[in-house]
Amino acid sequence: QLQASGGGLVQAGASLRLACVASGRAFTSYTVGWFRQAPEKEREFVATMKRTPDSTHYADSVKGRFTISRDNAKNTAYLQINSLKPEDTAVYYCAAQANRYPAVSPTSYGYWGQGTLVTVSS
């Protein structure tokens, strides 16, 4: 089970750190991914991290502003978002899978959190 949190209403230029807490699974064995879904749009890949911290992959649209990280001791993954823009407004989901890396398709992930809403005002 995955539980995402940390979203909220912020102004453009602000930062947020989203968290994804895993329970009931061997978290360290899983690749973690973050996705987002804006209203009336498809869910899109944001970032993914293999179980080793030096293996990360980002969507081109977020490189330089988003940072994925994880603390395996806390069974938690994070997504640091800096310099937020109105176009970053979306529900952000964390996901996990153990099959491949990097995996950018939502269909590659078998476990999903409930999502946390990020709203960025201009």
N, C-alpha and C. Protein backbone atom coordinates (compact mmCIF):
# COMPACT_ATOMS: atom_id res chain seq x y z
N GLN A 1 0.84 -1.20 0.00
CA GLN A 1 0.00 0.00 0.00
C GLN A 1 0.88 1.24 0.00
N LEU A 2 0.50 2.21 -0.82
CA LEU A 2 1.25 3.46 -0.92
C LEU A 2 0.35 4.62 -0.51
N GLN A 3 0.90 5.55 0.23
CA GLN A 3 0.15 6.71 0.69
C GLN A 3 0.92 7.97 0.33
N ALA A 4 0.34 8.77 -0.56
CA ALA A 4 0.99 10.02 -0.99
C ALA A 4 0.44 11.19 -0.19
N SER A 5 1.31 12.16 0.06
CA SER A 5 0.90 13.36 0.78
C SER A 5 1.82 14.52 0.40
N GLY A 6 1.46 15.71 0.88
CA GLY A 6 2.33 16.86 0.68
C GLY A 6 1.83 17.88 -0.33
N GLY A 7 0.75 17.58 -1.01
CA GLY A 7 0.21 18.52 -1.97
C GLY A 7 -0.45 19.71 -1.28
N GLY A 8 -0.84 20.68 -2.09
CA GLY A 8 -1.50 21.84 -1.53
C GLY A 8 -1.66 22.93 -2.57
N LEU A 9 -2.16 24.07 -2.11
CA LEU A 9 -2.32 25.24 -2.96
C LEU A 9 -1.16 26.19 -2.70
N VAL A 10 -0.39 26.47 -3.75
CA VAL A 10 0.77 27.34 -3.61
C VAL A 10 0.81 28.33 -4.76
N GLN A 11 1.61 29.38 -4.58
CA GLN A 11 1.79 30.35 -5.63
C GLN A 11 2.93 29.92 -6.55
N ALA A 12 2.88 30.42 -7.76
CA ALA A 12 3.95 30.14 -8.71
C ALA A 12 5.30 30.55 -8.12
N GLY A 13 6.29 29.71 -8.33
CA GLY A 13 7.62 29.98 -7.81
C GLY A 13 7.91 29.29 -6.49
N ALA A 14 6.87 28.80 -5.84
CA ALA A 14 7.06 28.12 -4.55
C ALA A 14 7.60 26.71 -4.76
N SER A 15 7.87 26.06 -3.64
CA SER A 15 8.36 24.67 -3.66
C SER A 15 7.46 23.79 -2.80
N LEU A 16 7.44 22.54 -3.14
CA LEU A 16 6.72 21.54 -2.35
C LEU A 16 7.55 20.27 -2.32
N ARG A 17 7.38 19.51 -1.26
CA ARG A 17 7.97 18.19 -1.21
C ARG A 17 6.85 17.18 -0.96
N LEU A 18 6.63 16.34 -1.93
CA LEU A 18 5.65 15.29 -1.81
C LEU A 18 6.31 14.05 -1.20
N ALA A 19 5.53 13.32 -0.44
CA ALA A 19 6.04 12.09 0.19
C ALA A 19 5.14 10.92 -0.18
N CYS A 20 5.73 9.77 -0.25
CA CYS A 20 5.01 8.54 -0.54
C CYS A 20 5.49 7.47 0.42
N VAL A 21 4.63 7.09 1.34
CA VAL A 21 4.98 6.10 2.35
C VAL A 21 4.43 4.75 1.94
N ALA A 22 5.30 3.74 1.97
CA ALA A 22 4.90 2.39 1.60
C ALA A 22 4.74 1.53 2.85
N SER A 23 3.77 0.66 2.81
CA SER A 23 3.58 -0.26 3.92
C SER A 23 3.25 -1.64 3.37
N GLY A 24 3.61 -2.64 4.12
CA GLY A 24 3.24 -3.99 3.76
C GLY A 24 4.03 -4.61 2.63
N ARG A 25 5.07 -3.96 2.16
CA ARG A 25 5.86 -4.51 1.07
C ARG A 25 7.35 -4.32 1.34
N ALA A 26 8.14 -5.08 0.60
CA ALA A 26 9.59 -4.91 0.67
C ALA A 26 9.97 -3.71 -0.17
N PHE A 27 9.85 -2.54 0.40
CA PHE A 27 10.01 -1.29 -0.33
C PHE A 27 11.34 -1.21 -1.05
N THR A 28 12.38 -1.70 -0.42
CA THR A 28 13.71 -1.57 -1.00
C THR A 28 13.87 -2.36 -2.30
N SER A 29 12.99 -3.29 -2.55
CA SER A 29 13.09 -4.11 -3.76
C SER A 29 12.38 -3.49 -4.95
N TYR A 30 11.71 -2.38 -4.73
CA TYR A 30 10.86 -1.81 -5.76
C TYR A 30 11.43 -0.52 -6.35
N THR A 31 11.21 -0.38 -7.64
CA THR A 31 11.43 0.89 -8.29
C THR A 31 10.22 1.79 -8.03
N VAL A 32 10.48 3.04 -7.70
CA VAL A 32 9.41 3.97 -7.38
C VAL A 32 9.25 4.98 -8.52
N GLY A 33 8.02 5.31 -8.81
CA GLY A 33 7.76 6.31 -9.84
C GLY A 33 6.77 7.34 -9.35
N TRP A 34 6.88 8.53 -9.92
CA TRP A 34 5.89 9.59 -9.70
C TRP A 34 5.27 9.94 -11.05
N PHE A 35 3.96 10.09 -11.02
CA PHE A 35 3.20 10.49 -12.19
C PHE A 35 2.31 11.65 -11.81
N ARG A 36 1.76 12.33 -12.78
CA ARG A 36 0.79 13.37 -12.50
C ARG A 36 -0.30 13.36 -13.56
N GLN A 37 -1.45 13.84 -13.15
CA GLN A 37 -2.58 13.88 -14.06
C GLN A 37 -3.31 15.20 -13.87
N ALA A 38 -3.26 16.02 -14.89
CA ALA A 38 -3.97 17.29 -14.89
C ALA A 38 -5.41 17.04 -15.35
N PRO A 39 -6.31 17.96 -15.04
CA PRO A 39 -7.71 17.80 -15.45
C PRO A 39 -7.85 17.57 -16.95
N GLU A 40 -8.60 16.56 -17.30
CA GLU A 40 -8.91 16.23 -18.69
C GLU A 40 -7.66 15.85 -19.50
N LYS A 41 -6.61 15.43 -18.82
CA LYS A 41 -5.41 14.97 -19.50
C LYS A 41 -5.05 13.57 -19.02
N GLU A 42 -4.23 12.91 -19.80
CA GLU A 42 -3.80 11.58 -19.43
C GLU A 42 -2.73 11.65 -18.33
N ARG A 43 -2.62 10.58 -17.61
CA ARG A 43 -1.58 10.50 -16.60
C ARG A 43 -0.21 10.47 -17.28
N GLU A 44 0.69 11.30 -16.78
CA GLU A 44 1.99 11.38 -17.42
C GLU A 44 3.12 11.10 -16.43
N PHE A 45 4.17 10.52 -16.98
CA PHE A 45 5.35 10.20 -16.19
C PHE A 45 6.07 11.46 -15.76
N VAL A 46 6.57 11.44 -14.51
CA VAL A 46 7.35 12.57 -14.00
C VAL A 46 8.78 12.14 -13.68
N ALA A 47 8.91 11.12 -12.85
CA ALA A 47 10.25 10.70 -12.42
C ALA A 47 10.19 9.29 -11.86
N THR A 48 11.34 8.63 -11.90
CA THR A 48 11.43 7.31 -11.32
C THR A 48 12.80 7.10 -10.71
N MET A 49 12.86 6.28 -9.71
CA MET A 49 14.11 5.99 -9.04
C MET A 49 14.19 4.49 -8.75
N LYS A 50 15.33 3.92 -9.13
CA LYS A 50 15.56 2.52 -8.83
C LYS A 50 15.86 2.40 -7.34
N ARG A 51 15.99 1.22 -6.86
CA ARG A 51 16.20 1.06 -5.42
C ARG A 51 17.52 1.63 -4.97
N THR A 52 18.50 1.72 -5.89
CA THR A 52 19.77 2.37 -5.55
C THR A 52 19.63 3.86 -5.82
N PRO A 53 20.06 4.71 -4.93
CA PRO A 53 19.83 6.15 -5.05
C PRO A 53 20.45 6.81 -6.26
N ASP A 54 21.44 6.23 -6.89
CA ASP A 54 22.05 6.93 -8.00
C ASP A 54 21.39 6.63 -9.33
N SER A 55 20.30 5.92 -9.32
CA SER A 55 19.60 5.59 -10.55
C SER A 55 18.28 6.32 -10.59
N THR A 56 18.27 7.45 -11.30
CA THR A 56 17.05 8.24 -11.44
C THR A 56 16.82 8.58 -12.91
N HIS A 57 15.58 8.83 -13.24
CA HIS A 57 15.22 9.18 -14.62
C HIS A 57 14.04 10.14 -14.55
N TYR A 58 14.09 11.21 -15.35
CA TYR A 58 13.08 12.25 -15.30
C TYR A 58 12.48 12.50 -16.68
N ALA A 59 11.24 12.96 -16.65
CA ALA A 59 10.65 13.48 -17.88
C ALA A 59 11.38 14.77 -18.25
N ASP A 60 11.55 14.99 -19.53
CA ASP A 60 12.28 16.19 -19.98
C ASP A 60 11.63 17.47 -19.46
N SER A 61 10.32 17.44 -19.30
CA SER A 61 9.59 18.65 -18.91
C SER A 61 9.85 19.08 -17.47
N VAL A 62 10.42 18.19 -16.66
CA VAL A 62 10.63 18.52 -15.24
C VAL A 62 12.10 18.52 -14.83
N LYS A 63 12.96 18.16 -15.74
CA LYS A 63 14.39 18.12 -15.40
C LYS A 63 14.86 19.49 -14.91
N GLY A 64 15.61 19.46 -13.82
CA GLY A 64 16.15 20.69 -13.26
C GLY A 64 15.27 21.31 -12.20
N ARG A 65 13.99 20.95 -12.14
CA ARG A 65 13.08 21.49 -11.11
C ARG A 65 12.59 20.42 -10.15
N PHE A 66 12.50 19.19 -10.61
CA PHE A 66 12.00 18.09 -9.79
C PHE A 66 13.16 17.18 -9.39
N THR A 67 13.09 16.71 -8.16
CA THR A 67 14.09 15.77 -7.68
C THR A 67 13.39 14.64 -6.94
N ILE A 68 13.67 13.43 -7.40
CA ILE A 68 13.12 12.26 -6.73
C ILE A 68 14.17 11.70 -5.79
N SER A 69 13.72 11.23 -4.65
CA SER A 69 14.64 10.63 -3.69
C SER A 69 13.88 9.59 -2.89
N ARG A 70 14.62 8.84 -2.11
CA ARG A 70 13.96 7.84 -1.27
C ARG A 70 14.77 7.60 -0.02
N ASP A 71 14.08 7.22 1.02
CA ASP A 71 14.69 6.82 2.29
C ASP A 71 14.18 5.43 2.57
N ASN A 72 14.97 4.43 2.22
CA ASN A 72 14.51 3.06 2.37
C ASN A 72 14.28 2.68 3.83
N ALA A 73 15.02 3.29 4.74
CA ALA A 73 14.84 3.00 6.16
C ALA A 73 13.46 3.44 6.64
N LYS A 74 12.90 4.45 5.97
CA LYS A 74 11.58 4.95 6.35
C LYS A 74 10.50 4.48 5.38
N ASN A 75 10.87 3.63 4.44
CA ASN A 75 9.90 3.17 3.43
C ASN A 75 9.20 4.34 2.75
N THR A 76 9.96 5.36 2.45
CA THR A 76 9.37 6.59 1.92
C THR A 76 10.13 7.08 0.70
N ALA A 77 9.37 7.51 -0.29
CA ALA A 77 9.94 8.18 -1.46
C ALA A 77 9.45 9.62 -1.46
N TYR A 78 10.25 10.49 -2.06
CA TYR A 78 9.93 11.91 -2.08
C TYR A 78 10.02 12.47 -3.50
N LEU A 79 9.28 13.53 -3.70
CA LEU A 79 9.41 14.30 -4.93
C LEU A 79 9.49 15.77 -4.53
N GLN A 80 10.67 16.33 -4.68
CA GLN A 80 10.88 17.75 -4.41
C GLN A 80 10.58 18.52 -5.68
N ILE A 81 9.69 19.49 -5.56
CA ILE A 81 9.30 20.29 -6.73
C ILE A 81 9.64 21.75 -6.44
N ASN A 82 10.49 22.31 -7.24
CA ASN A 82 10.90 23.70 -7.08
C ASN A 82 10.37 24.55 -8.22
N SER A 83 10.32 25.85 -7.97
CA SER A 83 9.90 26.81 -9.01
C SER A 83 8.60 26.37 -9.67
N LEU A 84 7.61 26.10 -8.85
CA LEU A 84 6.34 25.60 -9.36
C LEU A 84 5.71 26.58 -10.35
N LYS A 85 5.09 25.99 -11.36
CA LYS A 85 4.42 26.75 -12.41
C LYS A 85 2.94 26.36 -12.44
N PRO A 86 2.08 27.23 -12.93
CA PRO A 86 0.65 26.86 -13.01
C PRO A 86 0.43 25.56 -13.79
N GLU A 87 1.26 25.32 -14.79
CA GLU A 87 1.10 24.08 -15.58
C GLU A 87 1.51 22.82 -14.82
N ASP A 88 2.06 22.99 -13.62
CA ASP A 88 2.34 21.83 -12.78
C ASP A 88 1.11 21.39 -11.99
N THR A 89 0.04 22.15 -12.08
CA THR A 89 -1.19 21.79 -11.37
C THR A 89 -1.69 20.43 -11.84
N ALA A 90 -1.85 19.52 -10.89
CA ALA A 90 -2.26 18.15 -11.22
C ALA A 90 -2.40 17.36 -9.93
N VAL A 91 -2.99 16.20 -10.06
CA VAL A 91 -2.92 15.21 -8.98
C VAL A 91 -1.64 14.41 -9.20
N TYR A 92 -0.83 14.33 -8.18
CA TYR A 92 0.43 13.60 -8.27
C TYR A 92 0.29 12.25 -7.59
N TYR A 93 0.70 11.22 -8.30
CA TYR A 93 0.61 9.85 -7.82
C TYR A 93 2.00 9.23 -7.67
N CYS A 94 2.16 8.46 -6.63
CA CYS A 94 3.35 7.63 -6.54
C CYS A 94 2.96 6.20 -6.90
N ALA A 95 3.94 5.47 -7.40
CA ALA A 95 3.69 4.11 -7.84
C ALA A 95 4.94 3.28 -7.62
N ALA A 96 4.79 1.98 -7.64
CA ALA A 96 5.93 1.10 -7.43
C ALA A 96 5.80 -0.15 -8.30
N GLN A 97 6.96 -0.64 -8.72
CA GLN A 97 6.98 -1.88 -9.49
C GLN A 97 8.36 -2.51 -9.37
N ALA A 98 8.44 -3.79 -9.67
CA ALA A 98 9.70 -4.51 -9.47
C ALA A 98 10.22 -5.12 -10.75
N ASN A 99 9.68 -4.71 -11.89
CA ASN A 99 10.00 -5.44 -13.12
C ASN A 99 11.05 -4.79 -14.01
N ARG A 100 11.04 -3.48 -14.13
CA ARG A 100 11.94 -2.87 -15.09
C ARG A 100 12.31 -1.45 -14.67
N TYR A 101 13.43 -0.99 -15.23
CA TYR A 101 13.89 0.37 -15.00
C TYR A 101 14.65 0.85 -16.23
N PRO A 102 14.46 2.10 -16.67
CA PRO A 102 13.37 2.97 -16.19
C PRO A 102 12.05 2.61 -16.85
N ALA A 103 11.00 2.78 -16.13
CA ALA A 103 9.67 2.51 -16.67
C ALA A 103 8.87 3.80 -16.63
N VAL A 104 8.45 4.27 -17.79
CA VAL A 104 7.76 5.55 -17.88
C VAL A 104 6.27 5.40 -18.18
N SER A 105 5.83 4.20 -18.45
CA SER A 105 4.42 3.98 -18.73
C SER A 105 3.68 3.62 -17.45
N PRO A 106 2.53 4.21 -17.22
CA PRO A 106 1.75 3.86 -16.03
C PRO A 106 1.41 2.37 -15.98
N THR A 107 1.30 1.74 -17.12
CA THR A 107 0.94 0.33 -17.15
C THR A 107 2.05 -0.57 -16.63
N SER A 108 3.25 -0.02 -16.48
CA SER A 108 4.36 -0.81 -15.94
C SER A 108 4.32 -0.93 -14.42
N TYR A 109 3.48 -0.14 -13.79
CA TYR A 109 3.43 -0.07 -12.33
C TYR A 109 2.21 -0.80 -11.80
N GLY A 110 2.45 -1.66 -10.82
CA GLY A 110 1.36 -2.46 -10.27
C GLY A 110 0.78 -1.93 -8.98
N TYR A 111 1.51 -1.03 -8.35
CA TYR A 111 1.06 -0.49 -7.06
C TYR A 111 0.98 1.02 -7.15
N TRP A 112 -0.13 1.57 -6.65
CA TRP A 112 -0.38 3.01 -6.76
C TRP A 112 -0.87 3.57 -5.43
N GLY A 113 -0.45 4.81 -5.18
CA GLY A 113 -1.02 5.56 -4.07
C GLY A 113 -2.27 6.27 -4.54
N GLN A 114 -2.94 6.94 -3.63
CA GLN A 114 -4.23 7.54 -3.93
C GLN A 114 -4.11 8.91 -4.60
N GLY A 115 -2.93 9.50 -4.61
CA GLY A 115 -2.75 10.80 -5.25
C GLY A 115 -2.85 11.94 -4.27
N THR A 116 -2.10 13.00 -4.56
CA THR A 116 -2.16 14.22 -3.76
C THR A 116 -2.23 15.39 -4.73
N LEU A 117 -3.12 16.33 -4.45
CA LEU A 117 -3.40 17.42 -5.38
C LEU A 117 -2.44 18.58 -5.16
N VAL A 118 -1.83 19.01 -6.25
CA VAL A 118 -0.98 20.20 -6.25
C VAL A 118 -1.65 21.24 -7.14
N THR A 119 -1.93 22.39 -6.56
CA THR A 119 -2.54 23.48 -7.31
C THR A 119 -1.62 24.69 -7.23
N VAL A 120 -1.25 25.22 -8.39
CA VAL A 120 -0.32 26.35 -8.44
C VAL A 120 -1.05 27.54 -9.04
N SER A 121 -1.13 28.60 -8.27
CA SER A 121 -1.79 29.81 -8.74
C SER A 121 -0.77 30.77 -9.34
N SER A 122 -1.20 31.52 -10.30
CA SER A 122 -0.28 32.46 -10.99
C SER A 122 -0.25 33.80 -10.30
